[in-house]
N, C-alpha and C. Protein backbone atom coordinates (compact mmCIF):
# COMPACT_ATOMS: atom_id res chain seq x y z
N MET A 1 4.93 -9.57 4.63
CA MET A 1 3.74 -9.83 3.82
C MET A 1 2.91 -8.55 3.71
N THR A 2 2.19 -8.41 2.61
CA THR A 2 1.36 -7.22 2.44
C THR A 2 0.14 -7.28 3.36
N ILE A 3 -0.47 -6.12 3.58
CA ILE A 3 -1.68 -6.06 4.39
C ILE A 3 -2.77 -6.93 3.78
N THR A 4 -3.01 -6.76 2.48
CA THR A 4 -4.07 -7.54 1.85
C THR A 4 -3.71 -9.02 1.77
N GLY A 5 -2.46 -9.32 1.48
CA GLY A 5 -2.03 -10.72 1.39
C GLY A 5 -2.21 -11.46 2.70
N TYR A 6 -1.91 -10.77 3.79
CA TYR A 6 -2.08 -11.39 5.10
C TYR A 6 -3.56 -11.54 5.43
N ALA A 7 -4.36 -10.54 5.08
CA ALA A 7 -5.77 -10.56 5.44
C ALA A 7 -6.55 -11.65 4.73
N VAL A 8 -6.34 -11.80 3.42
CA VAL A 8 -7.20 -12.71 2.65
C VAL A 8 -6.97 -14.18 2.98
N GLN A 9 -5.84 -14.51 3.61
CA GLN A 9 -5.62 -15.91 3.94
C GLN A 9 -6.58 -16.40 5.03
N PHE A 10 -7.24 -15.45 5.72
CA PHE A 10 -8.16 -15.82 6.80
C PHE A 10 -9.61 -15.85 6.35
N GLN A 11 -9.84 -15.71 5.05
CA GLN A 11 -11.21 -15.80 4.56
C GLN A 11 -11.80 -17.17 4.93
N GLY A 12 -12.99 -17.16 5.49
CA GLY A 12 -13.63 -18.40 5.93
C GLY A 12 -13.45 -18.65 7.41
N SER A 13 -12.60 -17.83 8.07
CA SER A 13 -12.45 -17.96 9.52
C SER A 13 -13.71 -17.46 10.21
N GLY A 14 -13.77 -17.68 11.52
CA GLY A 14 -14.96 -17.35 12.28
C GLY A 14 -15.04 -15.90 12.73
N TYR A 15 -15.88 -15.68 13.73
CA TYR A 15 -16.13 -14.34 14.28
C TYR A 15 -16.56 -14.51 15.73
N VAL A 16 -15.96 -13.70 16.60
CA VAL A 16 -16.34 -13.67 18.01
C VAL A 16 -16.43 -12.21 18.42
N TYR A 17 -17.63 -11.76 18.78
CA TYR A 17 -17.78 -10.37 19.18
C TYR A 17 -16.95 -10.12 20.45
N GLY A 18 -16.07 -9.13 20.39
CA GLY A 18 -15.19 -8.84 21.52
C GLY A 18 -13.98 -9.74 21.62
N GLY A 19 -13.78 -10.60 20.62
CA GLY A 19 -12.65 -11.52 20.64
C GLY A 19 -11.31 -10.80 20.59
N PRO A 20 -10.28 -11.37 21.21
CA PRO A 20 -8.99 -10.68 21.33
C PRO A 20 -8.10 -10.75 20.10
N GLY A 21 -8.53 -11.45 19.06
CA GLY A 21 -7.77 -11.38 17.82
C GLY A 21 -6.91 -12.58 17.49
N TRP A 22 -6.81 -13.56 18.36
CA TRP A 22 -6.02 -14.75 18.03
C TRP A 22 -6.43 -15.88 18.95
N PRO A 23 -6.50 -17.11 18.48
CA PRO A 23 -6.17 -17.65 17.15
C PRO A 23 -7.16 -17.18 16.08
N PRO A 24 -6.87 -17.48 14.82
CA PRO A 24 -7.73 -17.00 13.74
C PRO A 24 -9.21 -17.31 13.97
N GLY A 25 -10.03 -16.32 13.73
CA GLY A 25 -11.46 -16.47 13.94
C GLY A 25 -11.91 -16.03 15.32
N ASN A 26 -10.97 -15.83 16.23
CA ASN A 26 -11.31 -15.35 17.57
C ASN A 26 -11.21 -13.83 17.57
N TRP A 27 -11.97 -13.21 16.67
CA TRP A 27 -11.92 -11.77 16.50
C TRP A 27 -13.25 -11.24 16.00
N ASP A 28 -13.47 -9.94 16.23
CA ASP A 28 -14.56 -9.24 15.58
C ASP A 28 -13.93 -8.31 14.54
N CYS A 29 -14.70 -7.37 14.00
CA CYS A 29 -14.17 -6.60 12.87
C CYS A 29 -12.92 -5.80 13.24
N SER A 30 -12.92 -5.16 14.40
CA SER A 30 -11.77 -4.31 14.73
C SER A 30 -10.57 -5.11 15.23
N SER A 31 -10.81 -6.19 15.97
CA SER A 31 -9.64 -6.97 16.41
C SER A 31 -9.05 -7.77 15.25
N PHE A 32 -9.86 -8.05 14.22
CA PHE A 32 -9.32 -8.64 12.99
C PHE A 32 -8.35 -7.67 12.32
N VAL A 33 -8.76 -6.40 12.21
CA VAL A 33 -7.89 -5.39 11.61
C VAL A 33 -6.62 -5.22 12.43
N SER A 34 -6.75 -5.22 13.76
CA SER A 34 -5.57 -5.09 14.62
C SER A 34 -4.61 -6.25 14.39
N THR A 35 -5.16 -7.44 14.20
CA THR A 35 -4.33 -8.62 13.95
C THR A 35 -3.58 -8.49 12.63
N VAL A 36 -4.28 -8.05 11.59
CA VAL A 36 -3.65 -7.92 10.28
C VAL A 36 -2.55 -6.87 10.30
N LEU A 37 -2.83 -5.72 10.91
CA LEU A 37 -1.84 -4.65 10.94
C LEU A 37 -0.67 -5.00 11.86
N GLY A 38 -1.01 -5.41 13.08
CA GLY A 38 0.03 -5.60 14.09
C GLY A 38 0.77 -6.90 14.01
N ARG A 39 0.05 -8.00 14.01
CA ARG A 39 0.70 -9.31 13.97
C ARG A 39 1.25 -9.62 12.59
N GLY A 40 0.47 -9.27 11.56
CA GLY A 40 0.87 -9.64 10.21
C GLY A 40 1.89 -8.72 9.57
N ASN A 41 1.90 -7.42 9.97
CA ASN A 41 2.75 -6.46 9.28
C ASN A 41 3.62 -5.63 10.20
N GLY A 42 3.54 -5.86 11.50
CA GLY A 42 4.40 -5.15 12.43
C GLY A 42 4.11 -3.66 12.54
N LEU A 43 2.91 -3.24 12.15
CA LEU A 43 2.53 -1.84 12.21
C LEU A 43 1.91 -1.51 13.56
N PRO A 44 2.00 -0.25 13.99
CA PRO A 44 1.33 0.13 15.23
C PRO A 44 -0.18 0.09 15.06
N ILE A 45 -0.88 0.01 16.17
CA ILE A 45 -2.34 0.09 16.19
C ILE A 45 -2.71 1.16 17.21
N PRO A 46 -3.93 1.67 17.18
CA PRO A 46 -4.29 2.72 18.13
C PRO A 46 -4.00 2.32 19.57
N GLY A 47 -3.23 3.12 20.25
CA GLY A 47 -2.92 2.85 21.66
C GLY A 47 -1.62 2.11 21.88
N GLY A 48 -1.05 1.52 20.86
CA GLY A 48 0.20 0.79 21.08
C GLY A 48 0.55 -0.14 19.95
N ARG A 49 1.02 -1.31 20.31
CA ARG A 49 1.41 -2.32 19.33
C ARG A 49 0.87 -3.68 19.72
N TRP A 50 0.73 -4.51 18.72
CA TRP A 50 0.29 -5.88 18.93
C TRP A 50 1.17 -6.55 19.97
N GLY A 51 0.53 -7.25 20.91
CA GLY A 51 1.27 -8.02 21.91
C GLY A 51 1.58 -7.27 23.19
N GLN A 52 1.40 -5.95 23.20
CA GLN A 52 1.61 -5.21 24.44
C GLN A 52 0.44 -5.44 25.38
N PRO A 53 0.64 -5.20 26.67
CA PRO A 53 -0.49 -5.33 27.62
C PRO A 53 -1.67 -4.47 27.20
N GLY A 54 -2.84 -5.04 27.23
CA GLY A 54 -4.04 -4.32 26.83
C GLY A 54 -4.33 -4.35 25.35
N GLU A 55 -3.41 -4.93 24.58
CA GLU A 55 -3.60 -5.03 23.12
C GLU A 55 -3.72 -6.51 22.73
N PRO A 56 -4.30 -6.78 21.56
CA PRO A 56 -4.36 -8.17 21.10
C PRO A 56 -2.97 -8.80 21.08
N PRO A 57 -2.86 -10.08 21.40
CA PRO A 57 -3.95 -11.03 21.66
C PRO A 57 -4.33 -11.15 23.13
N HIS A 58 -3.83 -10.22 23.99
CA HIS A 58 -4.15 -10.30 25.41
C HIS A 58 -5.57 -9.82 25.70
N SER A 59 -6.04 -8.87 24.91
CA SER A 59 -7.41 -8.37 25.06
C SER A 59 -7.85 -7.81 23.72
N HIS A 60 -9.08 -7.33 23.65
CA HIS A 60 -9.64 -6.89 22.37
C HIS A 60 -8.86 -5.73 21.74
N GLY A 61 -8.46 -4.75 22.52
CA GLY A 61 -7.73 -3.62 21.97
C GLY A 61 -8.64 -2.59 21.33
N PRO A 62 -8.12 -1.79 20.40
CA PRO A 62 -8.87 -0.65 19.84
C PRO A 62 -10.14 -1.07 19.11
N ASP A 63 -11.15 -0.19 19.19
CA ASP A 63 -12.41 -0.46 18.50
C ASP A 63 -12.53 0.41 17.25
N VAL A 64 -13.69 0.34 16.60
CA VAL A 64 -13.88 1.05 15.33
C VAL A 64 -13.69 2.56 15.50
N SER A 65 -14.28 3.13 16.55
CA SER A 65 -14.19 4.58 16.75
C SER A 65 -12.75 5.03 16.94
N GLU A 66 -11.94 4.20 17.61
CA GLU A 66 -10.53 4.55 17.79
C GLU A 66 -9.78 4.54 16.46
N TYR A 67 -10.10 3.58 15.59
CA TYR A 67 -9.49 3.57 14.26
C TYR A 67 -9.97 4.77 13.44
N ALA A 68 -11.21 5.20 13.65
CA ALA A 68 -11.77 6.31 12.88
C ALA A 68 -11.07 7.63 13.18
N SER A 69 -10.57 7.79 14.41
CA SER A 69 -9.94 9.06 14.80
C SER A 69 -8.44 8.91 15.05
N TRP A 70 -7.88 7.79 14.72
CA TRP A 70 -6.49 7.46 15.03
C TRP A 70 -5.51 8.37 14.29
N GLY A 71 -4.56 8.91 15.04
CA GLY A 71 -3.54 9.76 14.43
C GLY A 71 -2.52 9.00 13.62
N GLY A 72 -2.53 7.66 13.70
CA GLY A 72 -1.60 6.85 12.93
C GLY A 72 -2.08 6.53 11.54
N ALA A 73 -3.20 7.14 11.14
CA ALA A 73 -3.74 6.94 9.79
C ALA A 73 -4.29 8.27 9.30
N VAL A 74 -4.38 8.40 7.99
CA VAL A 74 -4.94 9.61 7.39
C VAL A 74 -6.13 9.22 6.53
N THR A 75 -7.13 10.09 6.49
CA THR A 75 -8.30 9.85 5.67
C THR A 75 -7.98 10.14 4.20
N VAL A 76 -8.38 9.25 3.32
CA VAL A 76 -8.13 9.42 1.88
C VAL A 76 -9.45 9.31 1.12
N THR A 77 -9.51 9.93 -0.03
CA THR A 77 -10.72 9.87 -0.85
C THR A 77 -10.62 8.84 -1.97
N SER A 78 -9.39 8.46 -2.31
CA SER A 78 -9.19 7.44 -3.35
C SER A 78 -8.49 6.25 -2.70
N PRO A 79 -9.25 5.25 -2.27
CA PRO A 79 -8.65 4.15 -1.53
C PRO A 79 -7.78 3.26 -2.40
N ALA A 80 -6.81 2.62 -1.74
CA ALA A 80 -5.92 1.67 -2.38
C ALA A 80 -5.94 0.38 -1.56
N PRO A 81 -5.55 -0.75 -2.16
CA PRO A 81 -5.52 -2.00 -1.40
C PRO A 81 -4.73 -1.85 -0.10
N GLY A 82 -5.33 -2.31 0.99
CA GLY A 82 -4.70 -2.21 2.30
C GLY A 82 -5.22 -1.07 3.14
N ASP A 83 -5.96 -0.14 2.54
CA ASP A 83 -6.56 0.94 3.32
C ASP A 83 -7.70 0.38 4.18
N LEU A 84 -8.07 1.15 5.20
CA LEU A 84 -9.15 0.75 6.09
C LEU A 84 -10.48 1.31 5.59
N VAL A 85 -11.51 0.49 5.62
CA VAL A 85 -12.87 0.90 5.27
C VAL A 85 -13.64 1.01 6.58
N ILE A 86 -14.14 2.20 6.91
CA ILE A 86 -14.69 2.43 8.25
C ILE A 86 -16.10 3.01 8.19
N TRP A 87 -17.01 2.37 8.94
CA TRP A 87 -18.30 2.94 9.26
C TRP A 87 -18.20 3.32 10.74
N ASP A 88 -18.11 4.59 11.04
CA ASP A 88 -17.81 5.03 12.39
C ASP A 88 -19.05 4.98 13.28
N GLY A 89 -19.07 4.00 14.15
CA GLY A 89 -20.17 3.85 15.11
C GLY A 89 -19.71 3.00 16.28
N SER A 90 -20.46 3.03 17.36
CA SER A 90 -20.08 2.28 18.57
C SER A 90 -20.63 0.85 18.51
N GLY A 91 -19.80 -0.09 18.97
CA GLY A 91 -20.23 -1.49 19.07
C GLY A 91 -20.75 -2.02 17.75
N PRO A 92 -21.91 -2.68 17.77
CA PRO A 92 -22.46 -3.26 16.54
C PRO A 92 -22.93 -2.22 15.53
N ASN A 93 -22.95 -0.95 15.93
CA ASN A 93 -23.36 0.12 15.02
C ASN A 93 -22.20 0.65 14.18
N GLY A 94 -21.01 0.08 14.36
CA GLY A 94 -19.86 0.44 13.55
C GLY A 94 -19.30 -0.78 12.87
N HIS A 95 -18.45 -0.55 11.89
CA HIS A 95 -17.80 -1.68 11.21
C HIS A 95 -16.51 -1.19 10.58
N ILE A 96 -15.55 -2.11 10.44
CA ILE A 96 -14.28 -1.79 9.80
C ILE A 96 -13.81 -3.01 9.02
N GLY A 97 -13.26 -2.74 7.85
CA GLY A 97 -12.70 -3.81 7.03
C GLY A 97 -11.44 -3.31 6.33
N ILE A 98 -10.90 -4.15 5.47
CA ILE A 98 -9.68 -3.82 4.72
C ILE A 98 -10.01 -3.81 3.23
N TYR A 99 -9.72 -2.68 2.61
CA TYR A 99 -10.02 -2.49 1.19
C TYR A 99 -9.12 -3.40 0.35
N LEU A 100 -9.74 -4.11 -0.60
CA LEU A 100 -9.00 -5.02 -1.48
C LEU A 100 -8.90 -4.53 -2.91
N ALA A 101 -10.02 -4.02 -3.42
CA ALA A 101 -10.12 -3.61 -4.82
C ALA A 101 -11.36 -2.75 -4.93
N PRO A 102 -11.55 -2.06 -6.07
CA PRO A 102 -12.74 -1.21 -6.18
C PRO A 102 -14.02 -1.95 -5.79
N GLY A 103 -14.68 -1.43 -4.76
CA GLY A 103 -15.94 -2.00 -4.31
C GLY A 103 -15.83 -3.27 -3.50
N ARG A 104 -14.60 -3.70 -3.12
CA ARG A 104 -14.42 -4.96 -2.42
C ARG A 104 -13.61 -4.77 -1.14
N MET A 105 -13.92 -5.56 -0.14
CA MET A 105 -13.18 -5.53 1.12
C MET A 105 -13.20 -6.91 1.74
N ILE A 106 -12.37 -7.11 2.77
CA ILE A 106 -12.46 -8.28 3.61
C ILE A 106 -12.64 -7.80 5.04
N SER A 107 -13.53 -8.46 5.78
CA SER A 107 -13.79 -8.05 7.16
C SER A 107 -14.40 -9.21 7.92
N ALA A 108 -14.34 -9.09 9.24
CA ALA A 108 -15.03 -10.05 10.12
C ALA A 108 -16.44 -9.51 10.33
N LEU A 109 -17.43 -10.24 9.85
CA LEU A 109 -18.78 -9.70 9.73
C LEU A 109 -19.68 -10.00 10.93
N ASN A 110 -19.92 -11.25 11.18
CA ASN A 110 -20.79 -11.67 12.28
C ASN A 110 -20.62 -13.17 12.48
N THR A 111 -21.31 -13.72 13.48
CA THR A 111 -21.14 -15.14 13.78
C THR A 111 -21.66 -16.03 12.67
N ALA A 112 -22.65 -15.57 11.90
CA ALA A 112 -23.21 -16.39 10.83
C ALA A 112 -22.31 -16.41 9.61
N MET A 113 -21.69 -15.27 9.26
CA MET A 113 -20.91 -15.18 8.03
C MET A 113 -19.42 -15.32 8.26
N GLY A 114 -18.95 -15.01 9.46
CA GLY A 114 -17.53 -15.11 9.76
C GLY A 114 -16.73 -14.03 9.05
N THR A 115 -15.52 -14.38 8.63
CA THR A 115 -14.60 -13.45 7.99
C THR A 115 -14.61 -13.71 6.49
N LEU A 116 -15.02 -12.70 5.71
CA LEU A 116 -15.23 -12.92 4.29
C LEU A 116 -14.84 -11.72 3.46
N GLU A 117 -14.49 -11.99 2.19
CA GLU A 117 -14.40 -10.93 1.20
C GLU A 117 -15.80 -10.68 0.67
N THR A 118 -16.21 -9.42 0.66
CA THR A 118 -17.56 -9.04 0.23
C THR A 118 -17.51 -7.73 -0.53
N PRO A 119 -18.64 -7.36 -1.15
CA PRO A 119 -18.73 -5.98 -1.63
C PRO A 119 -18.67 -5.03 -0.42
N ILE A 120 -18.27 -3.79 -0.67
CA ILE A 120 -18.33 -2.79 0.39
C ILE A 120 -19.77 -2.33 0.58
N ALA A 121 -20.43 -2.04 -0.52
CA ALA A 121 -21.82 -1.58 -0.46
C ALA A 121 -22.71 -2.69 0.11
N GLY A 122 -23.48 -2.33 1.11
CA GLY A 122 -24.44 -3.27 1.68
C GLY A 122 -23.90 -4.13 2.79
N TYR A 123 -22.61 -3.98 3.13
CA TYR A 123 -22.03 -4.83 4.17
C TYR A 123 -21.50 -4.02 5.36
N GLY A 124 -22.08 -2.83 5.52
CA GLY A 124 -21.81 -2.03 6.70
C GLY A 124 -23.12 -1.63 7.34
N PRO A 125 -23.07 -1.01 8.52
CA PRO A 125 -24.29 -0.60 9.19
C PRO A 125 -25.12 0.36 8.33
N SER A 126 -26.42 0.15 8.29
CA SER A 126 -27.28 1.02 7.49
C SER A 126 -27.30 2.42 8.10
N GLY A 127 -27.42 3.41 7.24
CA GLY A 127 -27.49 4.79 7.70
C GLY A 127 -26.15 5.47 7.83
N LEU A 128 -25.05 4.72 7.66
CA LEU A 128 -23.71 5.29 7.74
C LEU A 128 -23.01 5.16 6.40
N THR A 129 -22.21 6.16 6.06
CA THR A 129 -21.42 6.14 4.82
C THR A 129 -19.98 5.77 5.16
N PRO A 130 -19.43 4.77 4.51
CA PRO A 130 -18.04 4.39 4.82
C PRO A 130 -17.05 5.44 4.33
N PHE A 131 -15.93 5.54 5.02
CA PHE A 131 -14.83 6.36 4.55
C PHE A 131 -13.55 5.56 4.68
N TYR A 132 -12.46 6.07 4.12
CA TYR A 132 -11.24 5.28 3.97
C TYR A 132 -10.08 5.97 4.69
N ARG A 133 -9.26 5.14 5.34
CA ARG A 133 -8.10 5.68 6.04
C ARG A 133 -6.87 4.85 5.67
N ARG A 134 -5.75 5.53 5.49
CA ARG A 134 -4.50 4.88 5.11
C ARG A 134 -3.54 4.92 6.30
N VAL A 135 -3.00 3.77 6.67
CA VAL A 135 -2.13 3.67 7.83
C VAL A 135 -0.76 4.26 7.52
N THR A 136 -0.31 5.16 8.37
CA THR A 136 1.02 5.74 8.23
C THR A 136 2.06 4.64 8.41
N GLY A 137 3.02 4.57 7.50
CA GLY A 137 4.04 3.52 7.59
C GLY A 137 3.76 2.38 6.63
N ALA A 138 2.49 2.25 6.20
CA ALA A 138 2.19 1.31 5.13
C ALA A 138 2.39 2.04 3.83
N ALA A 139 2.81 1.32 2.79
CA ALA A 139 3.04 1.97 1.50
C ALA A 139 1.70 2.25 0.87
N GLY A 140 1.20 3.47 1.03
CA GLY A 140 -0.10 3.82 0.53
C GLY A 140 -0.20 3.64 -0.97
N GLY A 141 -1.40 3.52 -1.48
CA GLY A 141 -1.61 3.31 -2.91
C GLY A 141 -1.66 1.84 -3.20
N THR A 142 -0.75 1.05 -2.59
CA THR A 142 -0.81 -0.40 -2.72
C THR A 142 -1.17 -1.02 -1.39
N GLY A 143 -1.16 -0.18 -0.39
CA GLY A 143 -1.51 -0.66 0.90
C GLY A 143 -0.58 -1.69 1.44
N GLU A 144 0.65 -1.73 1.01
CA GLU A 144 1.57 -2.74 1.45
C GLU A 144 2.26 -2.33 2.73
N GLY A 145 2.40 -3.23 3.66
CA GLY A 145 3.07 -2.92 4.91
C GLY A 145 4.57 -2.89 4.75
N GLY A 146 5.24 -2.14 5.62
CA GLY A 146 6.68 -2.18 5.68
C GLY A 146 7.40 -1.23 4.76
N GLY A 147 6.67 -0.38 4.04
CA GLY A 147 7.36 0.63 3.24
C GLY A 147 8.16 0.06 2.10
N GLY A 148 7.51 -0.50 1.10
CA GLY A 148 8.19 -1.09 -0.04
C GLY A 148 8.95 -0.07 -0.87
N VAL A 149 9.80 -0.55 -1.77
CA VAL A 149 10.61 0.31 -2.62
C VAL A 149 9.92 0.46 -3.97
N SER A 150 9.81 1.68 -4.44
CA SER A 150 9.20 1.97 -5.73
C SER A 150 10.28 2.03 -6.80
N VAL A 151 10.17 1.18 -7.82
CA VAL A 151 11.13 1.20 -8.92
C VAL A 151 11.07 2.53 -9.65
N ALA A 152 9.86 3.05 -9.84
CA ALA A 152 9.72 4.34 -10.51
C ALA A 152 10.41 5.45 -9.74
N SER A 153 10.30 5.38 -8.41
CA SER A 153 10.94 6.39 -7.57
C SER A 153 12.46 6.31 -7.71
N LEU A 154 13.00 5.10 -7.68
CA LEU A 154 14.44 4.94 -7.82
C LEU A 154 14.93 5.42 -9.18
N TRP A 155 14.13 5.16 -10.23
CA TRP A 155 14.48 5.61 -11.57
C TRP A 155 14.61 7.12 -11.60
N GLN A 156 13.61 7.81 -11.02
CA GLN A 156 13.62 9.27 -11.06
C GLN A 156 14.75 9.86 -10.23
N GLN A 157 15.13 9.16 -9.15
CA GLN A 157 16.27 9.62 -8.37
C GLN A 157 17.56 9.50 -9.17
N ALA A 158 17.69 8.40 -9.92
CA ALA A 158 18.91 8.16 -10.68
C ALA A 158 18.98 9.03 -11.94
N MET A 159 17.83 9.17 -12.62
CA MET A 159 17.79 9.93 -13.86
C MET A 159 16.56 10.81 -13.89
N PRO A 160 16.54 11.88 -13.09
CA PRO A 160 15.36 12.73 -13.00
C PRO A 160 14.96 13.31 -14.35
N GLY A 161 13.65 13.27 -14.60
CA GLY A 161 13.12 13.85 -15.83
C GLY A 161 13.15 12.93 -17.03
N LEU A 162 13.79 11.76 -16.91
CA LEU A 162 13.91 10.87 -18.05
C LEU A 162 13.01 9.65 -17.88
N SER A 163 12.45 9.18 -18.96
CA SER A 163 11.67 7.95 -18.95
C SER A 163 12.44 6.88 -19.70
N TRP A 164 11.92 5.65 -19.67
CA TRP A 164 12.60 4.55 -20.35
C TRP A 164 12.71 4.80 -21.85
N LYS A 165 11.76 5.59 -22.39
CA LYS A 165 11.80 5.86 -23.84
C LYS A 165 13.04 6.65 -24.22
N ASP A 166 13.54 7.45 -23.25
CA ASP A 166 14.73 8.25 -23.55
C ASP A 166 15.99 7.41 -23.67
N LEU A 167 15.91 6.13 -23.32
CA LEU A 167 17.09 5.27 -23.40
C LEU A 167 17.17 4.52 -24.73
N VAL A 168 16.16 4.71 -25.58
CA VAL A 168 16.14 3.96 -26.85
C VAL A 168 17.37 4.28 -27.69
N VAL A 169 17.66 5.59 -27.86
CA VAL A 169 18.82 5.97 -28.68
C VAL A 169 20.13 5.50 -28.05
N PRO A 170 20.39 5.77 -26.73
CA PRO A 170 21.62 5.25 -26.14
C PRO A 170 21.74 3.74 -26.24
N ALA A 171 20.61 3.04 -26.10
CA ALA A 171 20.66 1.58 -26.20
C ALA A 171 21.08 1.16 -27.60
N ALA A 172 20.57 1.87 -28.60
CA ALA A 172 20.95 1.55 -29.98
C ALA A 172 22.44 1.79 -30.18
N VAL A 173 22.96 2.85 -29.57
CA VAL A 173 24.40 3.13 -29.67
C VAL A 173 25.20 2.00 -29.07
N VAL A 174 24.75 1.51 -27.89
CA VAL A 174 25.45 0.42 -27.22
C VAL A 174 25.46 -0.84 -28.09
N LEU A 175 24.31 -1.14 -28.72
CA LEU A 175 24.24 -2.33 -29.57
C LEU A 175 25.22 -2.22 -30.73
N VAL A 176 25.30 -1.04 -31.32
CA VAL A 176 26.25 -0.84 -32.42
C VAL A 176 27.67 -1.04 -31.94
N ILE A 177 27.96 -0.53 -30.73
CA ILE A 177 29.30 -0.68 -30.16
C ILE A 177 29.64 -2.15 -29.97
N LEU A 178 28.67 -2.89 -29.40
CA LEU A 178 28.92 -4.31 -29.14
C LEU A 178 29.13 -5.07 -30.45
N ALA A 179 28.33 -4.69 -31.46
CA ALA A 179 28.43 -5.37 -32.74
C ALA A 179 29.78 -5.12 -33.41
N ALA A 180 30.35 -3.95 -33.11
CA ALA A 180 31.63 -3.59 -33.73
C ALA A 180 32.76 -3.56 -32.73
N ALA A 181 32.65 -4.40 -31.69
CA ALA A 181 33.63 -4.37 -30.60
C ALA A 181 35.05 -4.61 -31.09
N GLY A 182 35.18 -5.31 -32.22
CA GLY A 182 36.50 -5.59 -32.73
C GLY A 182 37.23 -4.35 -33.22
N ALA A 183 36.50 -3.24 -33.35
CA ALA A 183 37.14 -2.02 -33.85
C ALA A 183 38.01 -1.36 -32.82
N GLY A 184 37.92 -1.78 -31.56
CA GLY A 184 38.85 -1.28 -30.55
C GLY A 184 38.24 -0.38 -29.50
N VAL A 185 39.10 -0.03 -28.55
CA VAL A 185 38.68 0.75 -27.39
C VAL A 185 38.20 2.13 -27.78
N ALA A 186 38.78 2.74 -28.79
CA ALA A 186 38.43 4.11 -29.17
C ALA A 186 36.96 4.21 -29.52
N LEU A 187 36.44 3.19 -30.25
CA LEU A 187 35.03 3.22 -30.64
C LEU A 187 34.13 3.11 -29.41
N VAL A 188 34.50 2.23 -28.48
CA VAL A 188 33.71 2.07 -27.25
C VAL A 188 33.67 3.38 -26.49
N SER A 189 34.81 4.03 -26.37
CA SER A 189 34.87 5.30 -25.64
C SER A 189 34.02 6.36 -26.32
N SER A 190 34.07 6.42 -27.64
CA SER A 190 33.29 7.41 -28.37
C SER A 190 31.80 7.16 -28.19
N GLY A 191 31.39 5.89 -28.23
CA GLY A 191 29.98 5.56 -28.05
C GLY A 191 29.49 5.95 -26.67
N ALA A 192 30.30 5.72 -25.65
CA ALA A 192 29.91 6.07 -24.29
C ALA A 192 29.73 7.58 -24.16
N VAL A 193 30.62 8.34 -24.77
CA VAL A 193 30.51 9.80 -24.73
C VAL A 193 29.23 10.26 -25.43
N LEU A 194 28.90 9.65 -26.56
CA LEU A 194 27.69 10.01 -27.28
C LEU A 194 26.44 9.72 -26.46
N ALA A 195 26.40 8.53 -25.84
CA ALA A 195 25.24 8.15 -25.04
C ALA A 195 25.07 9.08 -23.86
N THR A 196 26.16 9.36 -23.16
CA THR A 196 26.10 10.25 -21.99
C THR A 196 25.65 11.63 -22.39
N GLY A 197 26.18 12.14 -23.49
CA GLY A 197 25.79 13.46 -23.97
C GLY A 197 24.33 13.52 -24.34
N TYR A 198 23.83 12.46 -24.95
CA TYR A 198 22.42 12.42 -25.34
C TYR A 198 21.52 12.47 -24.13
N LEU A 199 21.83 11.65 -23.11
CA LEU A 199 21.03 11.62 -21.89
C LEU A 199 21.04 12.98 -21.20
N ALA A 200 22.19 13.61 -21.13
CA ALA A 200 22.27 14.92 -20.50
C ALA A 200 21.41 15.93 -21.24
N ALA A 201 21.46 15.88 -22.57
CA ALA A 201 20.68 16.82 -23.38
C ALA A 201 19.19 16.59 -23.18
N ARG A 202 18.77 15.31 -23.20
CA ARG A 202 17.35 14.99 -23.01
C ARG A 202 16.88 15.43 -21.64
N GLY A 203 17.70 15.19 -20.61
CA GLY A 203 17.34 15.61 -19.27
C GLY A 203 17.18 17.11 -19.19
N GLY A 204 18.09 17.84 -19.83
CA GLY A 204 18.00 19.30 -19.83
C GLY A 204 16.76 19.80 -20.53
N GLN A 205 16.43 19.18 -21.66
CA GLN A 205 15.23 19.57 -22.39
C GLN A 205 13.98 19.35 -21.57
N LYS A 206 13.90 18.20 -20.89
CA LYS A 206 12.71 17.89 -20.10
C LYS A 206 12.60 18.79 -18.88
N ALA A 207 13.72 19.08 -18.27
CA ALA A 207 13.71 19.97 -17.10
C ALA A 207 13.21 21.35 -17.50
N ALA A 208 13.68 21.85 -18.66
CA ALA A 208 13.27 23.17 -19.12
C ALA A 208 11.78 23.18 -19.44
N ALA A 209 11.30 22.10 -20.04
CA ALA A 209 9.87 22.01 -20.37
C ALA A 209 9.02 21.99 -19.12
N THR A 210 9.49 21.28 -18.09
CA THR A 210 8.75 21.20 -16.84
C THR A 210 8.67 22.55 -16.17
N VAL A 211 9.77 23.27 -16.11
CA VAL A 211 9.78 24.61 -15.50
C VAL A 211 8.82 25.52 -16.23
N GLY A 212 8.83 25.46 -17.56
CA GLY A 212 7.93 26.29 -18.34
C GLY A 212 6.47 25.97 -18.09
N SER A 213 6.14 24.69 -17.85
CA SER A 213 4.75 24.29 -17.70
C SER A 213 4.15 24.71 -16.38
N ILE A 214 4.97 25.00 -15.34
CA ILE A 214 4.41 25.34 -14.03
C ILE A 214 4.44 26.84 -13.78
N ARG A 215 4.87 27.60 -14.74
CA ARG A 215 4.87 29.06 -14.56
C ARG A 215 3.48 29.63 -14.78
């Protein structure tokens, strides 16, 4: 499950300051984040992993300041869903949540409000500016846990330099071939050669253009 998908299902749960993170609602802001990362997505947390001695749900585990300086995450300026929203302070003077969308997060707030999706602005300690951190091992940009596969990345590996628009002409050739399939194997072979040659030429043109643009 994604970081955000796992987190939002607990909206409306409670809040316990110093809570160890399980069952739902038995958490504060940082043990909620530890639960989402560790229990929900199998990601490491500062100091170890979910379920180890000293970590949730056996005890509270890492606090806001530990997440703020954690080597398992990097600070980013353009947050994506699943990134951490951090006001770096000790105890009640700090806060941490999970970024959902521009200006929105989910976090365990306090005993009165519980765990809620809220705006980012106005829902952290006053006097502190929030910053964003992306967990290493989560698919940044979408904030998805477990390292998802990018279709765009696979496309570029298979046909570097080409976009889907470059397949319009070869696709048209294939349609003509299928429409005239009764003409025999020779036509099919000729069409395949034409399509392959076109793709190679387009790839070469784009590669040359790219090299020229970075000089």
